[in-house]
């Protein structure tokens, strides 16, 4: 097993060039960039002597676990794409980390990023997921990144919805190609909350082939400059925004007229009293049979007049 250690660094060509003028310890203390990509490395050993390390390249190896990086408090860039990593872990001490590259691994849950308060770029594209599964996001990590994350790459991960990403209001670039996104209404709702979004790539998602897809997203994203690799003309954007505003105004007006029409129609319906209405009476029968009312102690006006005339006689 190939393990990344101080001794392996000492054997590297970069140290060989510097060893004439300084010791290994001096070299490691001054080291800021370390590139051991594509070296068949399977594990990360003790590199605590490299305390000033800011950029670490470990992509295209066979590393299965993120470990032994607690000493790198100054690390700003970590490249570990195309390894065998299945879990994002042991990054809590990397408070200065601004760019994290983990694409092409076997990660199923984006998690363990709660303490990365300086993270601006996250690349988790193309995970080797089990058949039928999709990449999911831990709400705690997403919430922690809501004020810092600007660039997110989640392409090729079988993702079919993005509601969980809505808190990422500082996003300026989203790469989400080759997924299963299809609900344009959902996309409009989430993207409209990202007021700083400038680049959006959703190529080869089902939503891309739906009617008015491009028009609706350009209208929802007020300052978007590039959609699916095509620049957005400001004149076209303004035309679409005005068109939508006009359409919404007409719809609102039409809805108001419909309500006005419904009110008199309702009143007219209420006063159309037919034979079957509970307040409808057969007036002819009630007038021709006053005796029926007398049985219940009811005296008609006609009887009252007749009685009064008899009394006068």
C-alpha atoms as a PDB file:
ATOM      1  CA  UNK A   1       0.000   0.000   0.000  1.00  0.00           C
ATOM      2  CA  UNK A   2       1.303   3.426  -0.993  1.00  0.00           C
ATOM      3  CA  UNK A   3       1.001   5.873   1.880  1.00  0.00           C
ATOM      4  CA  UNK A   4       1.642   9.591   1.733  1.00  0.00           C
ATOM      5  CA  UNK A   5       4.250  10.369   4.395  1.00  0.00           C
ATOM      6  CA  UNK A   6       7.097  12.767   5.041  1.00  0.00           C
ATOM      7  CA  UNK A   7       9.512  10.102   3.806  1.00  0.00           C
ATOM      8  CA  UNK A   8       7.656   9.854   0.508  1.00  0.00           C
ATOM      9  CA  UNK A   9       7.885  13.630   0.156  1.00  0.00           C
ATOM     10  CA  UNK A  10      11.628  13.429   0.819  1.00  0.00           C
ATOM     11  CA  UNK A  11      11.978  11.093  -2.147  1.00  0.00           C
ATOM     12  CA  UNK A  12      10.143  13.453  -4.482  1.00  0.00           C
ATOM     13  CA  UNK A  13      11.885  15.367  -7.213  1.00  0.00           C
ATOM     14  CA  UNK A  14      10.774  18.722  -5.797  1.00  0.00           C
ATOM     15  CA  UNK A  15      12.715  18.096  -2.589  1.00  0.00           C
ATOM     16  CA  UNK A  16      15.701  16.781  -4.477  1.00  0.00           C
ATOM     17  CA  UNK A  17      16.000  20.145  -6.182  1.00  0.00           C
ATOM     18  CA  UNK A  18      15.813  22.030  -2.892  1.00  0.00           C
ATOM     19  CA  UNK A  19      17.896  19.709  -0.674  1.00  0.00           C
ATOM     20  CA  UNK A  20      21.179  21.273  -1.650  1.00  0.00           C
ATOM     21  CA  UNK A  21      20.400  24.442   0.257  1.00  0.00           C
ATOM     22  CA  UNK A  22      18.149  23.263   3.134  1.00  0.00           C
ATOM     23  CA  UNK A  23      17.251  20.304   5.310  1.00  0.00           C
ATOM     24  CA  UNK A  24      14.051  18.247   4.988  1.00  0.00           C
ATOM     25  CA  UNK A  25      12.630  19.836   8.108  1.00  0.00           C
ATOM     26  CA  UNK A  26      13.239  23.331   6.761  1.00  0.00           C
ATOM     27  CA  UNK A  27      11.780  22.341   3.409  1.00  0.00           C
ATOM     28  CA  UNK A  28       8.595  20.897   4.951  1.00  0.00           C
ATOM     29  CA  UNK A  29       8.130  23.934   7.157  1.00  0.00           C
ATOM     30  CA  UNK A  30       8.227  26.264   4.150  1.00  0.00           C
ATOM     31  CA  UNK A  31       6.116  23.992   1.928  1.00  0.00           C
ATOM     32  CA  UNK A  32       2.822  25.590   0.831  1.00  0.00           C
ATOM     33  CA  UNK A  33       1.867  23.488  -2.210  1.00  0.00           C
ATOM     34  CA  UNK A  34       2.051  19.703  -2.334  1.00  0.00           C
ATOM     35  CA  UNK A  35       1.203  17.718  -5.454  1.00  0.00           C
ATOM     36  CA  UNK A  36       0.922  13.943  -5.182  1.00  0.00           C
ATOM     37  CA  UNK A  37      -1.783  13.381  -7.765  1.00  0.00           C
ATOM     38  CA  UNK A  38      -1.900  10.124  -9.725  1.00  0.00           C
ATOM     39  CA  UNK A  39       0.641   8.356  -7.508  1.00  0.00           C
ATOM     40  CA  UNK A  40      -1.466   5.298  -6.550  1.00  0.00           C
ATOM     41  CA  UNK A  41      -1.727   6.631  -2.985  1.00  0.00           C
ATOM     42  CA  UNK A  42      -4.201   4.728  -0.804  1.00  0.00           C
ATOM     43  CA  UNK A  43      -3.730   6.418   2.552  1.00  0.00           C
ATOM     44  CA  UNK A  44      -2.647   9.730   4.074  1.00  0.00           C
ATOM     45  CA  UNK A  45      -0.038   9.458   6.820  1.00  0.00           C
ATOM     46  CA  UNK A  46       1.370  11.941   9.316  1.00  0.00           C
ATOM     47  CA  UNK A  47       2.152  15.210   7.556  1.00  0.00           C
ATOM     48  CA  UNK A  48       2.113  17.391  10.652  1.00  0.00           C
ATOM     49  CA  UNK A  49       5.493  18.882   9.773  1.00  0.00           C
ATOM     50  CA  UNK A  50       3.860  20.609   6.774  1.00  0.00           C
ATOM     51  CA  UNK A  51       2.095  23.171   8.912  1.00  0.00           C
ATOM     52  CA  UNK A  52       2.090  25.927   6.300  1.00  0.00           C
ATOM     53  CA  UNK A  53       0.477  23.821   3.599  1.00  0.00           C
ATOM     54  CA  UNK A  54      -2.205  25.807   1.730  1.00  0.00           C
ATOM     55  CA  UNK A  55      -2.827  23.701  -1.398  1.00  0.00           C
ATOM     56  CA  UNK A  56      -2.912  19.899  -1.498  1.00  0.00           C
ATOM     57  CA  UNK A  57      -3.323  17.907  -4.741  1.00  0.00           C
ATOM     58  CA  UNK A  58      -4.310  14.284  -4.156  1.00  0.00           C
ATOM     59  CA  UNK A  59      -6.612  13.634  -7.104  1.00  0.00           C
ATOM     60  CA  UNK A  60      -6.524  10.484  -9.274  1.00  0.00           C
ATOM     61  CA  UNK A  61      -5.380   8.166  -6.486  1.00  0.00           C
ATOM     62  CA  UNK A  62      -6.980   5.290  -4.551  1.00  0.00           C
ATOM     63  CA  UNK A  63      -7.637   7.028  -1.240  1.00  0.00           C
ATOM     64  CA  UNK A  64     -10.670   5.641   0.593  1.00  0.00           C
ATOM     65  CA  UNK A  65     -10.764   7.947   3.620  1.00  0.00           C
ATOM     66  CA  UNK A  66     -10.150  11.621   4.329  1.00  0.00           C
ATOM     67  CA  UNK A  67      -7.869  11.592   7.361  1.00  0.00           C
ATOM     68  CA  UNK A  68      -4.812  13.098   9.074  1.00  0.00           C
ATOM     69  CA  UNK A  69      -5.482  16.616   7.822  1.00  0.00           C
ATOM     70  CA  UNK A  70      -6.163  18.149  11.216  1.00  0.00           C
ATOM     71  CA  UNK A  71      -2.769  19.862  11.231  1.00  0.00           C
ATOM     72  CA  UNK A  72      -3.464  21.805   8.013  1.00  0.00           C
ATOM     73  CA  UNK A  73      -5.225  24.781   9.583  1.00  0.00           C
ATOM     74  CA  UNK A  74      -3.919  26.985   6.764  1.00  0.00           C
ATOM     75  CA  UNK A  75      -5.187  24.787   3.941  1.00  0.00           C
ATOM     76  CA  UNK A  76      -7.318  26.709   1.418  1.00  0.00           C
ATOM     77  CA  UNK A  77      -7.518  24.290  -1.537  1.00  0.00           C
ATOM     78  CA  UNK A  78      -8.032  20.519  -1.337  1.00  0.00           C
ATOM     79  CA  UNK A  79      -8.162  18.410  -4.506  1.00  0.00           C
ATOM     80  CA  UNK A  80      -9.269  14.819  -3.866  1.00  0.00           C
ATOM     81  CA  UNK A  81     -11.397  14.043  -6.909  1.00  0.00           C
ATOM     82  CA  UNK A  82     -11.344  10.589  -8.534  1.00  0.00           C
ATOM     83  CA  UNK A  83     -10.510   8.512  -5.466  1.00  0.00           C
ATOM     84  CA  UNK A  84     -12.511   5.888  -3.537  1.00  0.00           C
ATOM     85  CA  UNK A  85     -13.921   8.184  -0.833  1.00  0.00           C
ATOM     86  CA  UNK A  86     -17.406   7.251   0.412  1.00  0.00           C
ATOM     87  CA  UNK A  87     -17.801   9.701   3.293  1.00  0.00           C
ATOM     88  CA  UNK A  88     -16.995  13.390   3.776  1.00  0.00           C
ATOM     89  CA  UNK A  89     -15.344  13.535   7.183  1.00  0.00           C
ATOM     90  CA  UNK A  90     -12.473  14.892   9.300  1.00  0.00           C
ATOM     91  CA  UNK A  91     -12.573  18.377   7.799  1.00  0.00           C
ATOM     92  CA  UNK A  92     -13.809  20.335  10.812  1.00  0.00           C
ATOM     93  CA  UNK A  93     -10.423  21.914  11.580  1.00  0.00           C
ATOM     94  CA  UNK A  94      -9.956  23.326   8.071  1.00  0.00           C
ATOM     95  CA  UNK A  95     -11.447  26.727   8.853  1.00  0.00           C
ATOM     96  CA  UNK A  96      -9.656  28.456   5.979  1.00  0.00           C
ATOM     97  CA  UNK A  97     -10.637  25.940   3.301  1.00  0.00           C
ATOM     98  CA  UNK A  98     -12.247  27.809   0.391  1.00  0.00           C
ATOM     99  CA  UNK A  99     -12.191  25.203  -2.411  1.00  0.00           C
ATOM    100  CA  UNK A 100     -13.035  21.514  -2.024  1.00  0.00           C
ATOM    101  CA  UNK A 101     -12.912  19.092  -4.964  1.00  0.00           C
ATOM    102  CA  UNK A 102     -14.465  15.669  -4.338  1.00  0.00           C
ATOM    103  CA  UNK A 103     -15.907  14.748  -7.729  1.00  0.00           C
ATOM    104  CA  UNK A 104     -15.699  11.186  -9.049  1.00  0.00           C
ATOM    105  CA  UNK A 105     -15.768   9.420  -5.667  1.00  0.00           C
ATOM    106  CA  UNK A 106     -18.426   7.196  -4.057  1.00  0.00           C
ATOM    107  CA  UNK A 107     -20.113   9.765  -1.825  1.00  0.00           C
ATOM    108  CA  UNK A 108     -23.881   9.360  -1.327  1.00  0.00           C
ATOM    109  CA  UNK A 109     -24.480  12.155   1.212  1.00  0.00           C
ATOM    110  CA  UNK A 110     -23.014  15.658   1.185  1.00  0.00           C
ATOM    111  CA  UNK A 111     -22.308  16.120   4.879  1.00  0.00           C
ATOM    112  CA  UNK A 112     -19.538  16.941   7.354  1.00  0.00           C
ATOM    113  CA  UNK A 113     -19.159  20.521   6.096  1.00  0.00           C
ATOM    114  CA  UNK A 114     -20.694  22.251   9.110  1.00  0.00           C
ATOM    115  CA  UNK A 115     -17.454  23.886  10.285  1.00  0.00           C
ATOM    116  CA  UNK A 116     -16.167  25.051   6.904  1.00  0.00           C
ATOM    117  CA  UNK A 117     -17.103  28.688   7.356  1.00  0.00           C
ATOM    118  CA  UNK A 118     -14.875  29.899   4.496  1.00  0.00           C
ATOM    119  CA  UNK A 119     -15.887  27.407   1.814  1.00  0.00           C
ATOM    120  CA  UNK A 120     -16.727  29.134  -1.470  1.00  0.00           C
ATOM    121  CA  UNK A 121     -16.440  26.273  -3.973  1.00  0.00           C
ATOM    122  CA  UNK A 122     -17.748  22.723  -3.651  1.00  0.00           C
ATOM    123  CA  UNK A 123     -17.349  20.146  -6.431  1.00  0.00           C
ATOM    124  CA  UNK A 124     -19.097  16.793  -5.918  1.00  0.00           C
ATOM    125  CA  UNK A 125     -19.955  15.913  -9.498  1.00  0.00           C
ATOM    126  CA  UNK A 126     -20.099  12.393 -10.930  1.00  0.00           C
ATOM    127  CA  UNK A 127     -20.301  10.263  -7.791  1.00  0.00           C
ATOM    128  CA  UNK A 128     -20.251   6.488  -8.288  1.00  0.00           C
ATOM    129  CA  UNK A 129     -23.686   5.885  -6.783  1.00  0.00           C
ATOM    130  CA  UNK A 130     -25.498   2.560  -6.313  1.00  0.00           C
ATOM    131  CA  UNK A 131     -28.037   1.890  -9.052  1.00  0.00           C
ATOM    132  CA  UNK A 132     -31.243   3.853  -8.537  1.00  0.00           C
ATOM    133  CA  UNK A 133     -29.842   6.139  -5.835  1.00  0.00           C
ATOM    134  CA  UNK A 134     -29.202   9.882  -5.967  1.00  0.00           C
ATOM    135  CA  UNK A 135     -26.869  12.249  -4.177  1.00  0.00           C
ATOM    136  CA  UNK A 136     -28.550  13.804  -1.121  1.00  0.00           C
ATOM    137  CA  UNK A 137     -27.666  16.788   1.044  1.00  0.00           C
ATOM    138  CA  UNK A 138     -27.488  17.071   4.821  1.00  0.00           C
ATOM    139  CA  UNK A 139     -29.549  20.169   5.822  1.00  0.00           C
ATOM    140  CA  UNK A 140     -27.011  21.072   8.518  1.00  0.00           C
ATOM    141  CA  UNK A 141     -24.171  21.332   6.020  1.00  0.00           C
ATOM    142  CA  UNK A 142     -26.297  23.279   3.527  1.00  0.00           C
ATOM    143  CA  UNK A 143     -27.376  25.702   6.244  1.00  0.00           C
ATOM    144  CA  UNK A 144     -23.756  26.220   7.332  1.00  0.00           C
ATOM    145  CA  UNK A 145     -22.721  27.041   3.759  1.00  0.00           C
ATOM    146  CA  UNK A 146     -25.610  29.411   3.088  1.00  0.00           C
ATOM    147  CA  UNK A 147     -23.563  32.577   3.622  1.00  0.00           C
ATOM    148  CA  UNK A 148     -20.312  31.561   1.909  1.00  0.00           C
ATOM    149  CA  UNK A 149     -20.780  29.045  -0.921  1.00  0.00           C
ATOM    150  CA  UNK A 150     -20.615  30.683  -4.365  1.00  0.00           C
ATOM    151  CA  UNK A 151     -19.844  27.822  -6.768  1.00  0.00           C
ATOM    152  CA  UNK A 152     -21.482  24.393  -6.653  1.00  0.00           C
ATOM    153  CA  UNK A 153     -20.994  21.480  -9.041  1.00  0.00           C
ATOM    154  CA  UNK A 154     -23.500  18.613  -8.614  1.00  0.00           C
ATOM    155  CA  UNK A 155     -23.573  17.288 -12.183  1.00  0.00           C
ATOM    156  CA  UNK A 156     -24.173  13.597 -12.997  1.00  0.00           C
ATOM    157  CA  UNK A 157     -25.659  12.575  -9.651  1.00  0.00           C
ATOM    158  CA  UNK A 158     -29.204  11.456 -10.573  1.00  0.00           C
ATOM    159  CA  UNK A 159     -30.655  14.465  -8.690  1.00  0.00           C
ATOM    160  CA  UNK A 160     -34.369  15.031  -9.352  1.00  0.00           C
ATOM    161  CA  UNK A 161     -35.105  18.022  -7.078  1.00  0.00           C
ATOM    162  CA  UNK A 162     -33.231  20.952  -5.563  1.00  0.00           C
ATOM    163  CA  UNK A 163     -35.478  22.153  -2.729  1.00  0.00           C
ATOM    164  CA  UNK A 164     -32.758  21.200  -0.213  1.00  0.00           C
ATOM    165  CA  UNK A 165     -30.378  23.676  -1.844  1.00  0.00           C
ATOM    166  CA  UNK A 166     -32.689  26.684  -1.522  1.00  0.00           C
ATOM    167  CA  UNK A 167     -30.773  28.158   1.502  1.00  0.00           C
ATOM    168  CA  UNK A 168     -27.664  28.672  -0.656  1.00  0.00           C
ATOM    169  CA  UNK A 169     -28.577  32.286  -1.401  1.00  0.00           C
ATOM    170  CA  UNK A 170     -25.000  33.372  -2.211  1.00  0.00           C
ATOM    171  CA  UNK A 171     -24.576  31.036  -5.182  1.00  0.00           C
ATOM    172  CA  UNK A 172     -23.235  32.659  -8.331  1.00  0.00           C
ATOM    173  CA  UNK A 173     -22.498  29.480 -10.335  1.00  0.00           C
ATOM    174  CA  UNK A 174     -24.453  26.217 -10.410  1.00  0.00           C
ATOM    175  CA  UNK A 175     -23.433  23.237 -12.522  1.00  0.00           C
ATOM    176  CA  UNK A 176     -26.139  20.563 -12.456  1.00  0.00           C
ATOM    177  CA  UNK A 177     -25.936  18.885 -15.855  1.00  0.00           C
ATOM    178  CA  UNK A 178     -26.950  15.283 -16.593  1.00  0.00           C
ATOM    179  CA  UNK A 179     -29.391  14.918 -13.701  1.00  0.00           C
ATOM    180  CA  UNK A 180     -33.146  14.244 -13.550  1.00  0.00           C
ATOM    181  CA  UNK A 181     -34.469  17.754 -12.895  1.00  0.00           C
ATOM    182  CA  UNK A 182     -37.839  18.205 -14.606  1.00  0.00           C
ATOM    183  CA  UNK A 183     -40.114  20.489 -12.551  1.00  0.00           C
ATOM    184  CA  UNK A 184     -39.697  23.991 -14.019  1.00  0.00           C
ATOM    185  CA  UNK A 185     -41.952  25.510 -11.361  1.00  0.00           C
ATOM    186  CA  UNK A 186     -39.599  24.191  -8.678  1.00  0.00           C
ATOM    187  CA  UNK A 187     -36.569  25.516 -10.539  1.00  0.00           C
ATOM    188  CA  UNK A 188     -38.164  28.962 -10.885  1.00  0.00           C
ATOM    189  CA  UNK A 189     -39.052  29.085  -7.192  1.00  0.00           C
ATOM    190  CA  UNK A 190     -35.571  28.117  -5.967  1.00  0.00           C
ATOM    191  CA  UNK A 191     -33.544  30.102  -8.499  1.00  0.00           C
ATOM    192  CA  UNK A 192     -35.564  33.265  -7.877  1.00  0.00           C
ATOM    193  CA  UNK A 193     -34.221  33.194  -4.292  1.00  0.00           C
ATOM    194  CA  UNK A 194     -30.620  33.198  -5.536  1.00  0.00           C
ATOM    195  CA  UNK A 195     -30.309  36.874  -6.348  1.00  0.00           C
ATOM    196  CA  UNK A 196     -26.590  36.609  -7.226  1.00  0.00           C
ATOM    197  CA  UNK A 197     -26.802  33.698  -9.671  1.00  0.00           C
ATOM    198  CA  UNK A 198     -24.866  34.511 -12.844  1.00  0.00           C
ATOM    199  CA  UNK A 199     -24.112  31.149 -14.441  1.00  0.00           C
ATOM    200  CA  UNK A 200     -26.493  28.191 -14.625  1.00  0.00           C
ATOM    201  CA  UNK A 201     -25.847  24.946 -16.483  1.00  0.00           C
ATOM    202  CA  UNK A 202     -28.677  22.390 -16.559  1.00  0.00           C
ATOM    203  CA  UNK A 203     -27.863  20.733 -19.857  1.00  0.00           C
ATOM    204  CA  UNK A 204     -29.333  17.266 -20.456  1.00  0.00           C
ATOM    205  CA  UNK A 205     -31.988  17.465 -17.746  1.00  0.00           C
ATOM    206  CA  UNK A 206     -35.621  16.633 -18.683  1.00  0.00           C
ATOM    207  CA  UNK A 207     -36.648  20.219 -17.844  1.00  0.00           C
ATOM    208  CA  UNK A 208     -34.484  21.548 -20.682  1.00  0.00           C
ATOM    209  CA  UNK A 209     -36.846  20.087 -23.280  1.00  0.00           C
ATOM    210  CA  UNK A 210     -40.042  21.637 -21.892  1.00  0.00           C
ATOM    211  CA  UNK A 211     -41.855  24.575 -23.467  1.00  0.00           C
ATOM    212  CA  UNK A 212     -40.647  28.071 -22.494  1.00  0.00           C
ATOM    213  CA  UNK A 213     -37.854  26.545 -20.361  1.00  0.00           C
ATOM    214  CA  UNK A 214     -35.252  29.136 -21.251  1.00  0.00           C
ATOM    215  CA  UNK A 215     -37.660  32.096 -21.147  1.00  0.00           C
ATOM    216  CA  UNK A 216     -38.985  31.158 -17.709  1.00  0.00           C
ATOM    217  CA  UNK A 217     -35.551  30.710 -16.119  1.00  0.00           C
ATOM    218  CA  UNK A 218     -34.170  33.926 -17.587  1.00  0.00           C
ATOM    219  CA  UNK A 219     -37.170  35.759 -16.134  1.00  0.00           C
ATOM    220  CA  UNK A 220     -36.748  34.089 -12.726  1.00  0.00           C
ATOM    221  CA  UNK A 221     -32.987  34.821 -12.507  1.00  0.00           C
ATOM    222  CA  UNK A 222     -32.718  38.594 -12.715  1.00  0.00           C
ATOM    223  CA  UNK A 223     -28.949  38.903 -13.321  1.00  0.00           C
ATOM    224  CA  UNK A 224     -28.210  35.550 -14.989  1.00  0.00           C
ATOM    225  CA  UNK A 225     -25.532  35.985 -17.671  1.00  0.00           C
ATOM    226  CA  UNK A 226     -25.097  32.439 -18.971  1.00  0.00           C
ATOM    227  CA  UNK A 227     -27.676  29.644 -19.256  1.00  0.00           C
ATOM    228  CA  UNK A 228     -26.574  26.205 -20.477  1.00  0.00           C
ATOM    229  CA  UNK A 229     -23.476  27.627 -22.129  1.00  0.00           C
ATOM    230  CA  UNK A 230     -25.294  30.402 -23.993  1.00  0.00           C
ATOM    231  CA  UNK A 231     -24.914  34.040 -23.050  1.00  0.00           C
ATOM    232  CA  UNK A 232     -28.031  36.032 -22.248  1.00  0.00           C
ATOM    233  CA  UNK A 233     -28.589  39.244 -24.154  1.00  0.00           C
ATOM    234  CA  UNK A 234     -29.699  42.058 -21.848  1.00  0.00           C
ATOM    235  CA  UNK A 235     -32.221  43.297 -24.389  1.00  0.00           C
ATOM    236  CA  UNK A 236     -33.778  39.842 -24.623  1.00  0.00           C
ATOM    237  CA  UNK A 237     -33.913  39.556 -20.839  1.00  0.00           C
ATOM    238  CA  UNK A 238     -35.689  42.915 -20.491  1.00  0.00           C
ATOM    239  CA  UNK A 239     -38.180  41.960 -23.183  1.00  0.00           C
ATOM    240  CA  UNK A 240     -39.013  38.705 -21.367  1.00  0.00           C
ATOM    241  CA  UNK A 241     -39.336  40.472 -18.003  1.00  0.00           C
ATOM    242  CA  UNK A 242     -41.695  43.076 -19.506  1.00  0.00           C
ATOM    243  CA  UNK A 243     -43.655  40.360 -21.296  1.00  0.00           C
ATOM    244  CA  UNK A 244     -44.127  38.418 -18.081  1.00  0.00           C
ATOM    245  CA  UNK A 245     -45.160  41.547 -16.167  1.00  0.00           C
ATOM    246  CA  UNK A 246     -47.727  42.363 -18.845  1.00  0.00           C
ATOM    247  CA  UNK A 247     -49.016  38.801 -18.834  1.00  0.00           C
ATOM    248  CA  UNK A 248     -49.357  38.788 -15.027  1.00  0.00           C
ATOM    249  CA  UNK A 249     -51.167  42.132 -15.086  1.00  0.00           C
ATOM    250  CA  UNK A 250     -53.652  40.896 -17.687  1.00  0.00           C
ATOM    251  CA  UNK A 251     -54.269  37.749 -15.688  1.00  0.00           C
ATOM    252  CA  UNK A 252     -54.854  39.760 -12.512  1.00  0.00           C
ATOM    253  CA  UNK A 253     -57.291  42.039 -14.362  1.00  0.00           C
ATOM    254  CA  UNK A 254     -59.121  39.076 -15.868  1.00  0.00           C
ATOM    255  CA  UNK A 255     -59.383  37.408 -12.473  1.00  0.00           C
ATOM    256  CA  UNK A 256     -60.925  40.612 -11.064  1.00  0.00           C
ATOM    257  CA  UNK A 257     -63.500  40.770 -13.872  1.00  0.00           C
ATOM    258  CA  UNK A 258     -64.413  37.127 -13.352  1.00  0.00           C
ATOM    259  CA  UNK A 259     -65.082  37.812  -9.673  1.00  0.00           C
ATOM    260  CA  UNK A 260     -67.295  40.817 -10.533  1.00  0.00           C
ATOM    261  CA  UNK A 261     -69.312  38.686 -12.947  1.00  0.00           C
ATOM    262  CA  UNK A 262     -69.791  35.958 -10.388  1.00  0.00           C
ATOM    263  CA  UNK A 263     -71.299  38.280  -7.731  1.00  0.00           C
ATOM    264  CA  UNK A 264     -74.411  39.548  -9.692  1.00  0.00           C
ATOM    265  CA  UNK A 265     -74.908  36.087 -11.140  1.00  0.00           C
ATOM    266  CA  UNK A 266     -75.005  34.699  -7.634  1.00  0.00           C
ATOM    267  CA  UNK A 267     -77.535  37.309  -6.507  1.00  0.00           C
ATOM    268  CA  UNK A 268     -79.753  36.633  -9.522  1.00  0.00           C
ATOM    269  CA  UNK A 269     -79.644  32.940  -8.816  1.00  0.00           C
ATOM    270  CA  UNK A 270     -80.713  33.502  -5.212  1.00  0.00           C
ATOM    271  CA  UNK A 271     -83.885  35.425  -6.248  1.00  0.00           C
ATOM    272  CA  UNK A 272     -85.020  32.971  -8.879  1.00  0.00           C
ATOM    273  CA  UNK A 273     -87.561  31.274  -6.649  1.00  0.00           C
ATOM    274  CA  UNK A 274     -89.246  28.385  -8.462  1.00  0.00           C
ATOM    275  CA  UNK A 275     -92.014  26.001  -7.455  1.00  0.00           C
ATOM    276  CA  UNK A 276     -89.543  23.757  -5.726  1.00  0.00           C
ATOM    277  CA  UNK A 277     -88.011  26.587  -3.655  1.00  0.00           C
ATOM    278  CA  UNK A 278     -88.764  26.274   0.100  1.00  0.00           C
ATOM    279  CA  UNK A 279     -90.251  29.809   0.123  1.00  0.00           C
ATOM    280  CA  UNK A 280     -92.531  29.311  -2.874  1.00  0.00           C
ATOM    281  CA  UNK A 281     -96.285  29.026  -2.145  1.00  0.00           C
ATOM    282  CA  UNK A 282     -99.292  28.311  -4.225  1.00  0.00           C
ATOM    283  CA  UNK A 283    -100.985  31.686  -3.746  1.00  0.00           C
ATOM    284  CA  UNK A 284    -104.247  30.616  -5.347  1.00  0.00           C
ATOM    285  CA  UNK A 285    -104.728  27.729  -2.974  1.00  0.00           C
ATOM    286  CA  UNK A 286    -103.890  29.820   0.094  1.00  0.00           C
ATOM    287  CA  UNK A 287    -106.383  32.530  -0.828  1.00  0.00           C
ATOM    288  CA  UNK A 288    -109.193  30.161  -1.694  1.00  0.00           C
ATOM    289  CA  UNK A 289    -108.980  28.294   1.592  1.00  0.00           C
ATOM    290  CA  UNK A 290    -108.938  30.825   4.441  1.00  0.00           C
ATOM    291  CA  UNK A 291    -110.660  28.309   6.677  1.00  0.00           C
ATOM    292  CA  UNK A 292    -107.456  26.325   6.881  1.00  0.00           C
ATOM    293  CA  UNK A 293    -105.794  29.307   8.513  1.00  0.00           C
ATOM    294  CA  UNK A 294    -108.625  29.667  11.016  1.00  0.00           C
ATOM    295  CA  UNK A 295    -108.006  26.184  12.240  1.00  0.00           C
ATOM    296  CA  UNK A 296    -104.679  27.364  13.455  1.00  0.00           C
ATOM    297  CA  UNK A 297    -106.049  30.546  15.042  1.00  0.00           C
ATOM    298  CA  UNK A 298    -105.100  32.800  12.153  1.00  0.00           C
ATOM    299  CA  UNK A 299    -107.685  35.455  11.111  1.00  0.00           C
ATOM    300  CA  UNK A 300    -107.489  36.817   7.630  1.00  0.00           C
ATOM    301  CA  UNK A 301    -107.849  40.531   6.845  1.00  0.00           C
ATOM    302  CA  UNK A 302    -111.067  39.809   4.890  1.00  0.00           C
ATOM    303  CA  UNK A 303    -112.719  38.105   7.879  1.00  0.00           C
ATOM    304  CA  UNK A 304    -111.720  40.962  10.143  1.00  0.00           C
ATOM    305  CA  UNK A 305    -113.372  43.563   7.870  1.00  0.00           C
ATOM    306  CA  UNK A 306    -116.522  41.440   7.579  1.00  0.00           C
ATOM    307  CA  UNK A 307    -116.806  41.155  11.373  1.00  0.00           C
ATOM    308  CA  UNK A 308    -116.424  44.877  11.843  1.00  0.00           C
ATOM    309  CA  UNK A 309    -119.294  45.640   9.404  1.00  0.00           C
ATOM    310  CA  UNK A 310    -121.589  43.224  11.228  1.00  0.00           C
ATOM    311  CA  UNK A 311    -120.881  44.987  14.481  1.00  0.00           C
ATOM    312  CA  UNK A 312    -121.902  48.360  13.054  1.00  0.00           C
ATOM    313  CA  UNK A 313    -125.258  47.007  11.991  1.00  0.00           C
END
